PDB file of N, CA and C in Angstrom:
ATOM      1  N   UNK A   1      -8.450-135.506 105.268  1.00  0.00           N
ATOM      2  CA  UNK A   1      -9.097-135.522 103.960  1.00  0.00           C
ATOM      3  C   UNK A   1      -8.076-135.063 102.931  1.00  0.00           C
ATOM      4  N   UNK A   2      -7.866-135.867 101.917  1.00  0.00           N
ATOM      5  CA  UNK A   2      -6.917-135.447 100.889  1.00  0.00           C
ATOM      6  C   UNK A   2      -7.614-134.572  99.855  1.00  0.00           C
ATOM      7  N   UNK A   3      -6.846-133.951  99.013  1.00  0.00           N
ATOM      8  CA  UNK A   3      -7.371-132.998  98.033  1.00  0.00           C
ATOM      9  C   UNK A   3      -8.310-133.583  97.013  1.00  0.00           C
ATOM     10  N   UNK A   4      -8.260-134.891  96.775  1.00  0.00           N
ATOM     11  CA  UNK A   4      -9.116-135.491  95.755  1.00  0.00           C
ATOM     12  C   UNK A   4     -10.543-135.705  96.249  1.00  0.00           C
ATOM     13  N   UNK A   5     -10.771-135.679  97.533  1.00  0.00           N
ATOM     14  CA  UNK A   5     -12.115-135.893  98.068  1.00  0.00           C
ATOM     15  C   UNK A   5     -12.882-134.601  98.293  1.00  0.00           C
ATOM     16  N   UNK A   6     -12.275-133.481  98.057  1.00  0.00           N
ATOM     17  CA  UNK A   6     -12.944-132.200  98.261  1.00  0.00           C
ATOM     18  C   UNK A   6     -13.960-131.958  97.153  1.00  0.00           C
ATOM     19  N   UNK A   7     -15.113-131.363  97.511  1.00  0.00           N
ATOM     20  CA  UNK A   7     -16.074-131.010  96.460  1.00  0.00           C
ATOM     21  C   UNK A   7     -15.533-129.879  95.611  1.00  0.00           C
ATOM     22  N   UNK A   8     -16.040-129.742  94.391  1.00  0.00           N
ATOM     23  CA  UNK A   8     -15.615-128.632  93.545  1.00  0.00           C
ATOM     24  C   UNK A   8     -15.862-127.304  94.258  1.00  0.00           C
ATOM     25  N   UNK A   9     -15.072-126.271  93.966  1.00  0.00           N
ATOM     26  CA  UNK A   9     -15.223-124.981  94.650  1.00  0.00           C
ATOM     27  C   UNK A   9     -16.640-124.432  94.609  1.00  0.00           C
ATOM     28  N   UNK A  10     -17.347-124.626  93.504  1.00  0.00           N
ATOM     29  CA  UNK A  10     -18.699-124.085  93.375  1.00  0.00           C
ATOM     30  C   UNK A  10     -19.669-124.747  94.338  1.00  0.00           C
ATOM     31  N   UNK A  11     -19.334-125.954  94.837  1.00  0.00           N
ATOM     32  CA  UNK A  11     -20.261-126.675  95.697  1.00  0.00           C
ATOM     33  C   UNK A  11     -19.906-126.580  97.175  1.00  0.00           C
ATOM     34  N   UNK A  12     -18.760-126.082  97.502  1.00  0.00           N
ATOM     35  CA  UNK A  12     -18.378-125.949  98.906  1.00  0.00           C
ATOM     36  C   UNK A  12     -19.301-124.970  99.603  1.00  0.00           C
ATOM     37  N   UNK A  13     -19.698-125.322 100.804  1.00  0.00           N
ATOM     38  CA  UNK A  13     -20.510-124.419 101.593  1.00  0.00           C
ATOM     39  C   UNK A  13     -21.979-124.389 101.221  1.00  0.00           C
ATOM     40  N   UNK A  14     -22.406-125.264 100.357  1.00  0.00           N
ATOM     41  CA  UNK A  14     -23.820-125.294  99.981  1.00  0.00           C
ATOM     42  C   UNK A  14     -24.634-125.944 101.087  1.00  0.00           C
ATOM     43  N   UNK A  15     -25.872-125.532 101.184  1.00  0.00           N
ATOM     44  CA  UNK A  15     -26.783-126.080 102.181  1.00  0.00           C
ATOM     45  C   UNK A  15     -27.360-127.394 101.679  1.00  0.00           C
ATOM     46  N   UNK A  16     -27.802-128.257 102.608  1.00  0.00           N
ATOM     47  CA  UNK A  16     -28.327-129.562 102.195  1.00  0.00           C
ATOM     48  C   UNK A  16     -29.669-129.464 101.463  1.00  0.00           C
ATOM     49  N   UNK A  17     -29.927-130.461 100.641  1.00  0.00           N
ATOM     50  CA  UNK A  17     -31.137-130.501  99.814  1.00  0.00           C
ATOM     51  C   UNK A  17     -32.407-130.549 100.658  1.00  0.00           C
ATOM     52  N   UNK A  18     -32.350-131.125 101.844  1.00  0.00           N
ATOM     53  CA  UNK A  18     -33.570-131.253 102.645  1.00  0.00           C
ATOM     54  C   UNK A  18     -34.105-129.905 103.127  1.00  0.00           C
ATOM     55  N   UNK A  19     -33.355-128.840 102.947  1.00  0.00           N
ATOM     56  CA  UNK A  19     -33.824-127.507 103.330  1.00  0.00           C
ATOM     57  C   UNK A  19     -34.500-126.764 102.180  1.00  0.00           C
ATOM     58  N   UNK A  20     -34.567-127.377 101.015  1.00  0.00           N
ATOM     59  CA  UNK A  20     -35.025-126.689  99.814  1.00  0.00           C
ATOM     60  C   UNK A  20     -36.522-126.828  99.552  1.00  0.00           C
ATOM     61  N   UNK A  21     -37.112-127.950  99.883  1.00  0.00           N
ATOM     62  CA  UNK A  21     -38.485-128.221  99.460  1.00  0.00           C
ATOM     63  C   UNK A  21     -39.492-127.158  99.889  1.00  0.00           C
ATOM     64  N   UNK A  22     -39.414-126.693 101.122  1.00  0.00           N
ATOM     65  CA  UNK A  22     -40.377-125.676 101.553  1.00  0.00           C
ATOM     66  C   UNK A  22     -40.155-124.370 100.797  1.00  0.00           C
ATOM     67  N   UNK A  23     -38.903-124.033 100.530  1.00  0.00           N
ATOM     68  CA  UNK A  23     -38.614-122.818  99.773  1.00  0.00           C
ATOM     69  C   UNK A  23     -39.081-122.948  98.319  1.00  0.00           C
ATOM     70  N   UNK A  24     -38.880-124.128  97.742  1.00  0.00           N
ATOM     71  CA  UNK A  24     -39.355-124.362  96.376  1.00  0.00           C
ATOM     72  C   UNK A  24     -40.876-124.274  96.310  1.00  0.00           C
ATOM     73  N   UNK A  25     -41.552-124.819  97.307  1.00  0.00           N
ATOM     74  CA  UNK A  25     -43.017-124.752  97.331  1.00  0.00           C
ATOM     75  C   UNK A  25     -43.485-123.299  97.369  1.00  0.00           C
ATOM     76  N   UNK A  26     -42.827-122.488  98.163  1.00  0.00           N
ATOM     77  CA  UNK A  26     -43.179-121.063  98.222  1.00  0.00           C
ATOM     78  C   UNK A  26     -42.939-120.384  96.873  1.00  0.00           C
ATOM     79  N   UNK A  27     -41.783-120.632  96.280  1.00  0.00           N
ATOM     80  CA  UNK A  27     -41.476-120.023  94.986  1.00  0.00           C
ATOM     81  C   UNK A  27     -42.446-120.488  93.908  1.00  0.00           C
ATOM     82  N   UNK A  28     -42.791-121.768  93.910  1.00  0.00           N
ATOM     83  CA  UNK A  28     -43.748-122.281  92.927  1.00  0.00           C
ATOM     84  C   UNK A  28     -45.096-121.590  93.086  1.00  0.00           C
ATOM     85  N   UNK A  29     -45.529-121.411  94.313  1.00  0.00           N
ATOM     86  CA  UNK A  29     -46.800-120.737  94.571  1.00  0.00           C
ATOM     87  C   UNK A  29     -46.775-119.295  94.094  1.00  0.00           C
ATOM     88  N   UNK A  30     -45.707-118.592  94.401  1.00  0.00           N
ATOM     89  CA  UNK A  30     -45.608-117.190  94.031  1.00  0.00           C
ATOM     90  C   UNK A  30     -45.455-117.002  92.522  1.00  0.00           C
ATOM     91  N   UNK A  31     -44.646-117.832  91.896  1.00  0.00           N
ATOM     92  CA  UNK A  31     -44.467-117.723  90.443  1.00  0.00           C
ATOM     93  C   UNK A  31     -45.780-118.030  89.737  1.00  0.00           C
ATOM     94  N   UNK A  32     -46.498-119.026  90.214  1.00  0.00           N
ATOM     95  CA  UNK A  32     -47.798-119.337  89.617  1.00  0.00           C
ATOM     96  C   UNK A  32     -48.742-118.144  89.764  1.00  0.00           C
ATOM     97  N   UNK A  33     -48.745-117.544  90.920  1.00  0.00           N
ATOM     98  CA  UNK A  33     -49.612-116.394  91.164  1.00  0.00           C
ATOM     99  C   UNK A  33     -49.238-115.217  90.261  1.00  0.00           C
ATOM    100  N   UNK A  34     -47.958-114.921  90.190  1.00  0.00           N
ATOM    101  CA  UNK A  34     -47.490-113.784  89.388  1.00  0.00           C
ATOM    102  C   UNK A  34     -47.724-114.023  87.901  1.00  0.00           C
ATOM    103  N   UNK A  35     -47.486-115.226  87.424  1.00  0.00           N
ATOM    104  CA  UNK A  35     -47.637-115.501  85.992  1.00  0.00           C
ATOM    105  C   UNK A  35     -49.093-115.659  85.578  1.00  0.00           C
ATOM    106  N   UNK A  36     -49.989-115.836  86.533  1.00  0.00           N
ATOM    107  CA  UNK A  36     -51.410-115.909  86.214  1.00  0.00           C
ATOM    108  C   UNK A  36     -51.957-114.572  85.769  1.00  0.00           C
ATOM    109  N   UNK A  37     -51.317-113.500  86.192  1.00  0.00           N
ATOM    110  CA  UNK A  37     -51.751-112.185  85.760  1.00  0.00           C
ATOM    111  C   UNK A  37     -52.727-111.509  86.695  1.00  0.00           C
ATOM    112  N   UNK A  38     -53.139-112.171  87.756  1.00  0.00           N
ATOM    113  CA  UNK A  38     -54.092-111.546  88.676  1.00  0.00           C
ATOM    114  C   UNK A  38     -53.451-111.209  90.018  1.00  0.00           C
ATOM    115  N   UNK A  39     -52.153-111.010  89.993  1.00  0.00           N
ATOM    116  CA  UNK A  39     -51.432-110.679  91.215  1.00  0.00           C
ATOM    117  C   UNK A  39     -51.846-109.301  91.710  1.00  0.00           C
ATOM    118  N   UNK A  40     -51.921-109.163  93.017  1.00  0.00           N
ATOM    119  CA  UNK A  40     -52.249-107.864  93.594  1.00  0.00           C
ATOM    120  C   UNK A  40     -51.130-106.884  93.290  1.00  0.00           C
ATOM    121  N   UNK A  41     -51.427-105.623  93.368  1.00  0.00           N
ATOM    122  CA  UNK A  41     -50.471-104.595  92.946  1.00  0.00           C
ATOM    123  C   UNK A  41     -49.139-104.673  93.666  1.00  0.00           C
ATOM    124  N   UNK A  42     -49.112-105.115  94.903  1.00  0.00           N
ATOM    125  CA  UNK A  42     -47.852-105.227  95.635  1.00  0.00           C
ATOM    126  C   UNK A  42     -46.933-106.222  94.938  1.00  0.00           C
ATOM    127  N   UNK A  43     -47.483-107.309  94.437  1.00  0.00           N
ATOM    128  CA  UNK A  43     -46.670-108.335  93.799  1.00  0.00           C
ATOM    129  C   UNK A  43     -46.285-107.977  92.377  1.00  0.00           C
ATOM    130  N   UNK A  44     -47.016-107.085  91.757  1.00  0.00           N
ATOM    131  CA  UNK A  44     -46.706-106.710  90.380  1.00  0.00           C
ATOM    132  C   UNK A  44     -45.307-106.112  90.300  1.00  0.00           C
ATOM    133  N   UNK A  45     -44.918-105.352  91.329  1.00  0.00           N
ATOM    134  CA  UNK A  45     -43.590-104.759  91.321  1.00  0.00           C
ATOM    135  C   UNK A  45     -42.498-105.817  91.463  1.00  0.00           C
ATOM    136  N   UNK A  46     -42.858-106.981  91.977  1.00  0.00           N
ATOM    137  CA  UNK A  46     -41.909-108.090  92.079  1.00  0.00           C
ATOM    138  C   UNK A  46     -42.065-108.930  90.818  1.00  0.00           C
ATOM    139  N   UNK A  47     -41.456-108.466  89.745  1.00  0.00           N
ATOM    140  CA  UNK A  47     -41.643-109.079  88.437  1.00  0.00           C
ATOM    141  C   UNK A  47     -40.829-110.347  88.263  1.00  0.00           C
ATOM    142  N   UNK A  48     -40.816-110.847  87.045  1.00  0.00           N
ATOM    143  CA  UNK A  48     -40.132-112.105  86.751  1.00  0.00           C
ATOM    144  C   UNK A  48     -38.647-112.040  87.095  1.00  0.00           C
ATOM    145  N   UNK A  49     -38.041-110.875  86.945  1.00  0.00           N
ATOM    146  CA  UNK A  49     -36.610-110.752  87.258  1.00  0.00           C
ATOM    147  C   UNK A  49     -36.349-110.999  88.748  1.00  0.00           C
ATOM    148  N   UNK A  50     -37.214-110.456  89.585  1.00  0.00           N
ATOM    149  CA  UNK A  50     -37.080-110.667  91.027  1.00  0.00           C
ATOM    150  C   UNK A  50     -37.188-112.150  91.363  1.00  0.00           C
ATOM    151  N   UNK A  51     -38.222-112.801  90.816  1.00  0.00           N
ATOM    152  CA  UNK A  51     -38.453-114.214  91.137  1.00  0.00           C
ATOM    153  C   UNK A  51     -37.375-115.096  90.534  1.00  0.00           C
ATOM    154  N   UNK A  52     -36.898-114.737  89.355  1.00  0.00           N
ATOM    155  CA  UNK A  52     -35.805-115.516  88.755  1.00  0.00           C
ATOM    156  C   UNK A  52     -34.558-115.423  89.629  1.00  0.00           C
ATOM    157  N   UNK A  53     -34.289-114.243  90.142  1.00  0.00           N
ATOM    158  CA  UNK A  53     -33.137-114.071  91.030  1.00  0.00           C
ATOM    159  C   UNK A  53     -33.287-114.942  92.282  1.00  0.00           C
ATOM    160  N   UNK A  54     -34.477-114.981  92.839  1.00  0.00           N
ATOM    161  CA  UNK A  54     -34.726-115.808  94.029  1.00  0.00           C
ATOM    162  C   UNK A  54     -34.489-117.292  93.725  1.00  0.00           C
ATOM    163  N   UNK A  55     -34.976-117.740  92.557  1.00  0.00           N
ATOM    164  CA  UNK A  55     -34.793-119.142  92.163  1.00  0.00           C
ATOM    165  C   UNK A  55     -33.316-119.440  91.956  1.00  0.00           C
ATOM    166  N   UNK A  56     -32.614-118.556  91.290  1.00  0.00           N
ATOM    167  CA  UNK A  56     -31.181-118.765  91.023  1.00  0.00           C
ATOM    168  C   UNK A  56     -30.362-118.813  92.314  1.00  0.00           C
ATOM    169  N   UNK A  57     -30.687-117.974  93.275  1.00  0.00           N
ATOM    170  CA  UNK A  57     -29.984-117.999  94.558  1.00  0.00           C
ATOM    171  C   UNK A  57     -30.193-119.349  95.241  1.00  0.00           C
ATOM    172  N   UNK A  58     -31.410-119.834  95.216  1.00  0.00           N
ATOM    173  CA  UNK A  58     -31.702-121.140  95.808  1.00  0.00           C
ATOM    174  C   UNK A  58     -30.896-122.226  95.107  1.00  0.00           C
ATOM    175  N   UNK A  59     -30.844-122.154  93.798  1.00  0.00           N
ATOM    176  CA  UNK A  59     -30.101-123.123  92.990  1.00  0.00           C
ATOM    177  C   UNK A  59     -28.604-123.085  93.313  1.00  0.00           C
ATOM    178  N   UNK A  60     -28.084-121.908  93.527  1.00  0.00           N
ATOM    179  CA  UNK A  60     -26.648-121.747  93.733  1.00  0.00           C
ATOM    180  C   UNK A  60     -26.191-122.013  95.165  1.00  0.00           C
ATOM    181  N   UNK A  61     -27.112-122.002  96.104  1.00  0.00           N
ATOM    182  CA  UNK A  61     -26.711-122.119  97.506  1.00  0.00           C
ATOM    183  C   UNK A  61     -27.047-123.455  98.149  1.00  0.00           C
ATOM    184  N   UNK A  62     -27.687-124.349  97.408  1.00  0.00           N
ATOM    185  CA  UNK A  62     -28.090-125.638  97.973  1.00  0.00           C
ATOM    186  C   UNK A  62     -27.633-126.796  97.087  1.00  0.00           C
ATOM    187  N   UNK A  63     -27.357-127.909  97.739  1.00  0.00           N
ATOM    188  CA  UNK A  63     -27.105-129.165  97.033  1.00  0.00           C
ATOM    189  C   UNK A  63     -28.469-129.713  96.637  1.00  0.00           C
ATOM    190  N   UNK A  64     -28.776-129.726  95.374  1.00  0.00           N
ATOM    191  CA  UNK A  64     -30.096-130.153  94.922  1.00  0.00           C
ATOM    192  C   UNK A  64     -30.078-131.590  94.421  1.00  0.00           C
ATOM    193  N   UNK A  65     -31.188-132.283  94.662  1.00  0.00           N
ATOM    194  CA  UNK A  65     -31.354-133.616  94.082  1.00  0.00           C
ATOM    195  C   UNK A  65     -32.085-133.448  92.748  1.00  0.00           C
ATOM    196  N   UNK A  66     -32.162-134.521  91.986  1.00  0.00           N
ATOM    197  CA  UNK A  66     -32.707-134.450  90.623  1.00  0.00           C
ATOM    198  C   UNK A  66     -34.120-133.870  90.579  1.00  0.00           C
ATOM    199  N   UNK A  67     -34.996-134.278  91.472  1.00  0.00           N
ATOM    200  CA  UNK A  67     -36.375-133.781  91.441  1.00  0.00           C
ATOM    201  C   UNK A  67     -36.432-132.279  91.749  1.00  0.00           C
ATOM    202  N   UNK A  68     -35.542-131.816  92.605  1.00  0.00           N
ATOM    203  CA  UNK A  68     -35.491-130.385  92.912  1.00  0.00           C
ATOM    204  C   UNK A  68     -34.956-129.601  91.722  1.00  0.00           C
ATOM    205  N   UNK A  69     -33.983-130.156  91.026  1.00  0.00           N
ATOM    206  CA  UNK A  69     -33.461-129.496  89.822  1.00  0.00           C
ATOM    207  C   UNK A  69     -34.551-129.367  88.759  1.00  0.00           C
ATOM    208  N   UNK A  70     -35.391-130.392  88.626  1.00  0.00           N
ATOM    209  CA  UNK A  70     -36.499-130.336  87.665  1.00  0.00           C
ATOM    210  C   UNK A  70     -37.481-129.231  88.043  1.00  0.00           C
ATOM    211  N   UNK A  71     -37.745-129.085  89.330  1.00  0.00           N
ATOM    212  CA  UNK A  71     -38.648-128.029  89.791  1.00  0.00           C
ATOM    213  C   UNK A  71     -38.055-126.647  89.504  1.00  0.00           C
ATOM    214  N   UNK A  72     -36.744-126.504  89.696  1.00  0.00           N
ATOM    215  CA  UNK A  72     -36.058-125.245  89.407  1.00  0.00           C
ATOM    216  C   UNK A  72     -36.178-124.925  87.918  1.00  0.00           C
ATOM    217  N   UNK A  73     -35.925-125.917  87.074  1.00  0.00           N
ATOM    218  CA  UNK A  73     -36.014-125.724  85.623  1.00  0.00           C
ATOM    219  C   UNK A  73     -37.429-125.307  85.227  1.00  0.00           C
ATOM    220  N   UNK A  74     -38.427-125.943  85.803  1.00  0.00           N
ATOM    221  CA  UNK A  74     -39.821-125.614  85.491  1.00  0.00           C
ATOM    222  C   UNK A  74     -40.134-124.169  85.894  1.00  0.00           C
ATOM    223  N   UNK A  75     -39.668-123.763  87.076  1.00  0.00           N
ATOM    224  CA  UNK A  75     -39.884-122.385  87.513  1.00  0.00           C
ATOM    225  C   UNK A  75     -39.233-121.392  86.557  1.00  0.00           C
ATOM    226  N   UNK A  76     -37.998-121.667  86.188  1.00  0.00           N
ATOM    227  CA  UNK A  76     -37.285-120.760  85.284  1.00  0.00           C
ATOM    228  C   UNK A  76     -37.954-120.711  83.912  1.00  0.00           C
ATOM    229  N   UNK A  77     -38.473-121.839  83.450  1.00  0.00           N
ATOM    230  CA  UNK A  77     -39.205-121.863  82.175  1.00  0.00           C
ATOM    231  C   UNK A  77     -40.472-121.017  82.262  1.00  0.00           C
ATOM    232  N   UNK A  78     -41.213-121.157  83.375  1.00  0.00           N
ATOM    233  CA  UNK A  78     -42.429-120.364  83.557  1.00  0.00           C
ATOM    234  C   UNK A  78     -42.100-118.874  83.545  1.00  0.00           C
ATOM    235  N   UNK A  79     -41.071-118.504  84.265  1.00  0.00           N
ATOM    236  CA  UNK A  79     -40.691-117.097  84.331  1.00  0.00           C
ATOM    237  C   UNK A  79     -40.213-116.581  82.974  1.00  0.00           C
ATOM    238  N   UNK A  80     -39.474-117.405  82.257  1.00  0.00           N
ATOM    239  CA  UNK A  80     -39.017-117.015  80.924  1.00  0.00           C
ATOM    240  C   UNK A  80     -40.172-116.820  79.963  1.00  0.00           C
ATOM    241  N   UNK A  81     -41.144-117.706  80.016  1.00  0.00           N
ATOM    242  CA  UNK A  81     -42.325-117.588  79.156  1.00  0.00           C
ATOM    243  C   UNK A  81     -43.102-116.321  79.471  1.00  0.00           C
ATOM    244  N   UNK A  82     -43.247-116.038  80.757  1.00  0.00           N
ATOM    245  CA  UNK A  82     -43.960-114.826  81.166  1.00  0.00           C
ATOM    246  C   UNK A  82     -43.237-113.578  80.687  1.00  0.00           C
ATOM    247  N   UNK A  83     -41.936-113.570  80.789  1.00  0.00           N
ATOM    248  CA  UNK A  83     -41.148-112.419  80.336  1.00  0.00           C
ATOM    249  C   UNK A  83     -41.317-112.211  78.832  1.00  0.00           C
ATOM    250  N   UNK A  84     -41.324-113.305  78.072  1.00  0.00           N
ATOM    251  CA  UNK A  84     -41.496-113.198  76.624  1.00  0.00           C
ATOM    252  C   UNK A  84     -42.883-112.657  76.275  1.00  0.00           C
ATOM    253  N   UNK A  85     -43.911-113.129  76.991  1.00  0.00           N
ATOM    254  CA  UNK A  85     -45.275-112.652  76.711  1.00  0.00           C
ATOM    255  C   UNK A  85     -45.400-111.162  77.034  1.00  0.00           C
ATOM    256  N   UNK A  86     -44.802-110.719  78.136  1.00  0.00           N
ATOM    257  CA  UNK A  86     -44.854-109.311  78.478  1.00  0.00           C
ATOM    258  C   UNK A  86     -44.142-108.472  77.432  1.00  0.00           C
ATOM    259  N   UNK A  87     -43.026-108.965  76.944  1.00  0.00           N
ATOM    260  CA  UNK A  87     -42.274-108.234  75.914  1.00  0.00           C
ATOM    261  C   UNK A  87     -43.114-108.122  74.637  1.00  0.00           C
ATOM    262  N   UNK A  88     -43.785-109.192  74.254  1.00  0.00           N
ATOM    263  CA  UNK A  88     -44.633-109.154  73.045  1.00  0.00           C
ATOM    264  C   UNK A  88     -45.758-108.156  73.218  1.00  0.00           C
ATOM    265  N   UNK A  89     -46.360-108.125  74.422  1.00  0.00           N
ATOM    266  CA  UNK A  89     -47.446-107.170  74.664  1.00  0.00           C
ATOM    267  C   UNK A  89     -46.951-105.737  74.550  1.00  0.00           C
ATOM    268  N   UNK A  90     -45.744-105.481  75.051  1.00  0.00           N
ATOM    269  CA  UNK A  90     -45.188-104.119  74.980  1.00  0.00           C
ATOM    270  C   UNK A  90     -44.934-103.709  73.537  1.00  0.00           C
ATOM    271  N   UNK A  91     -44.394-104.611  72.740  1.00  0.00           N
ATOM    272  CA  UNK A  91     -44.083-104.258  71.351  1.00  0.00           C
ATOM    273  C   UNK A  91     -45.349-104.160  70.498  1.00  0.00           C
ATOM    274  N   UNK A  92     -46.398-104.877  70.871  1.00  0.00           N
ATOM    275  CA  UNK A  92     -47.654-104.806  70.122  1.00  0.00           C
ATOM    276  C   UNK A  92     -48.420-103.533  70.444  1.00  0.00           C
ATOM    277  N   UNK A  93     -48.184-102.968  71.595  1.00  0.00           N
ATOM    278  CA  UNK A  93     -48.935-101.763  72.019  1.00  0.00           C
ATOM    279  C   UNK A  93     -48.443-100.508  71.404  1.00  0.00           C
TER     280      UNK A  93
END
Protein backbone atom coordinates (compact mmCIF):
# COMPACT_ATOMS: atom_id res chain seq x y z
CA UNK A 1 0.00 0.00 0.00
CA UNK A 2 1.51 3.31 -0.97
CA UNK A 3 1.20 6.47 1.10
CA UNK A 4 -1.54 7.99 -1.06
CA UNK A 5 -4.05 5.24 -0.26
CA UNK A 6 -3.82 5.60 3.51
CA UNK A 7 -6.80 7.13 5.31
CA UNK A 8 -6.28 10.46 7.04
CA UNK A 9 -4.74 10.10 10.53
CA UNK A 10 -8.03 11.01 12.22
CA UNK A 11 -9.76 8.06 10.53
CA UNK A 12 -7.19 5.33 11.10
CA UNK A 13 -8.30 2.69 13.53
CA UNK A 14 -11.96 3.64 13.45
CA UNK A 15 -14.57 0.94 13.86
CA UNK A 16 -16.95 0.08 11.01
CA UNK A 17 -20.30 1.83 10.62
CA UNK A 18 -22.27 -1.40 11.00
CA UNK A 19 -21.39 -1.43 14.71
CA UNK A 20 -22.97 1.97 15.37
CA UNK A 21 -26.71 1.55 14.88
CA UNK A 22 -27.44 -0.30 18.12
CA UNK A 23 -25.34 2.20 20.08
CA UNK A 24 -27.09 5.12 18.38
CA UNK A 25 -30.48 3.61 19.20
CA UNK A 26 -29.49 3.38 22.86
CA UNK A 27 -28.20 6.96 22.92
CA UNK A 28 -31.33 8.24 21.17
CA UNK A 29 -33.51 6.48 23.74
CA UNK A 30 -31.54 7.81 26.68
CA UNK A 31 -31.27 11.37 25.37
CA UNK A 32 -35.00 11.42 24.70
CA UNK A 33 -35.65 10.18 28.22
CA UNK A 34 -33.28 12.68 29.84
CA UNK A 35 -34.51 15.66 27.80
CA UNK A 36 -38.15 14.84 28.54
CA UNK A 37 -37.57 15.90 32.11
CA UNK A 38 -39.07 12.85 33.79
CA UNK A 39 -35.85 10.91 34.17
CA UNK A 40 -35.44 8.98 37.39
CA UNK A 41 -33.01 10.45 39.88
CA UNK A 42 -30.20 8.09 38.88
CA UNK A 43 -30.24 9.48 35.35
CA UNK A 44 -30.48 13.10 36.44
CA UNK A 45 -26.84 12.98 37.51
CA UNK A 46 -25.99 11.88 33.97
CA UNK A 47 -26.68 15.28 32.47
CA UNK A 48 -26.37 16.59 28.94
CA UNK A 49 -22.58 16.84 29.26
CA UNK A 50 -22.30 13.12 29.98
CA UNK A 51 -24.52 12.18 27.03
CA UNK A 52 -22.80 14.64 24.71
CA UNK A 53 -19.47 13.06 25.60
CA UNK A 54 -20.88 9.60 24.82
CA UNK A 55 -22.17 10.81 21.43
CA UNK A 56 -18.87 12.49 20.59
CA UNK A 57 -16.87 9.36 21.43
CA UNK A 58 -19.10 7.34 19.12
CA UNK A 59 -18.63 9.95 16.40
CA UNK A 60 -14.86 9.96 16.80
CA UNK A 61 -14.32 6.21 16.97
CA UNK A 62 -16.47 4.93 14.10
CA UNK A 63 -16.64 5.35 10.35
CA UNK A 64 -20.13 6.80 10.00
CA UNK A 65 -22.39 6.82 6.97
CA UNK A 66 -24.54 9.85 6.12
CA UNK A 67 -27.68 8.65 7.93
CA UNK A 68 -25.67 7.96 11.08
CA UNK A 69 -24.09 11.41 10.92
CA UNK A 70 -27.59 12.93 10.73
CA UNK A 71 -28.61 10.97 13.82
CA UNK A 72 -25.50 12.21 15.65
CA UNK A 73 -26.29 15.82 14.68
CA UNK A 74 -29.88 15.43 15.88
CA UNK A 75 -28.71 14.03 19.23
CA UNK A 76 -26.24 16.86 19.71
CA UNK A 77 -28.93 19.42 18.81
CA UNK A 78 -31.32 17.89 21.36
CA UNK A 79 -28.67 17.97 24.05
CA UNK A 80 -27.70 21.54 23.18
CA UNK A 81 -31.31 22.69 23.37
CA UNK A 82 -31.75 21.00 26.73
CA UNK A 83 -28.60 22.64 28.08
CA UNK A 84 -29.83 26.06 26.95
CA UNK A 85 -33.25 25.54 28.58
CA UNK A 86 -31.63 24.48 31.86
CA UNK A 87 -29.39 27.53 31.79
CA UNK A 88 -32.39 29.83 31.22
CA UNK A 89 -34.23 28.21 34.13
CA UNK A 90 -31.23 28.77 36.41
CA UNK A 91 -30.89 32.44 35.47
CA UNK A 92 -34.65 33.03 35.83
CA UNK A 93 -34.70 31.55 39.34
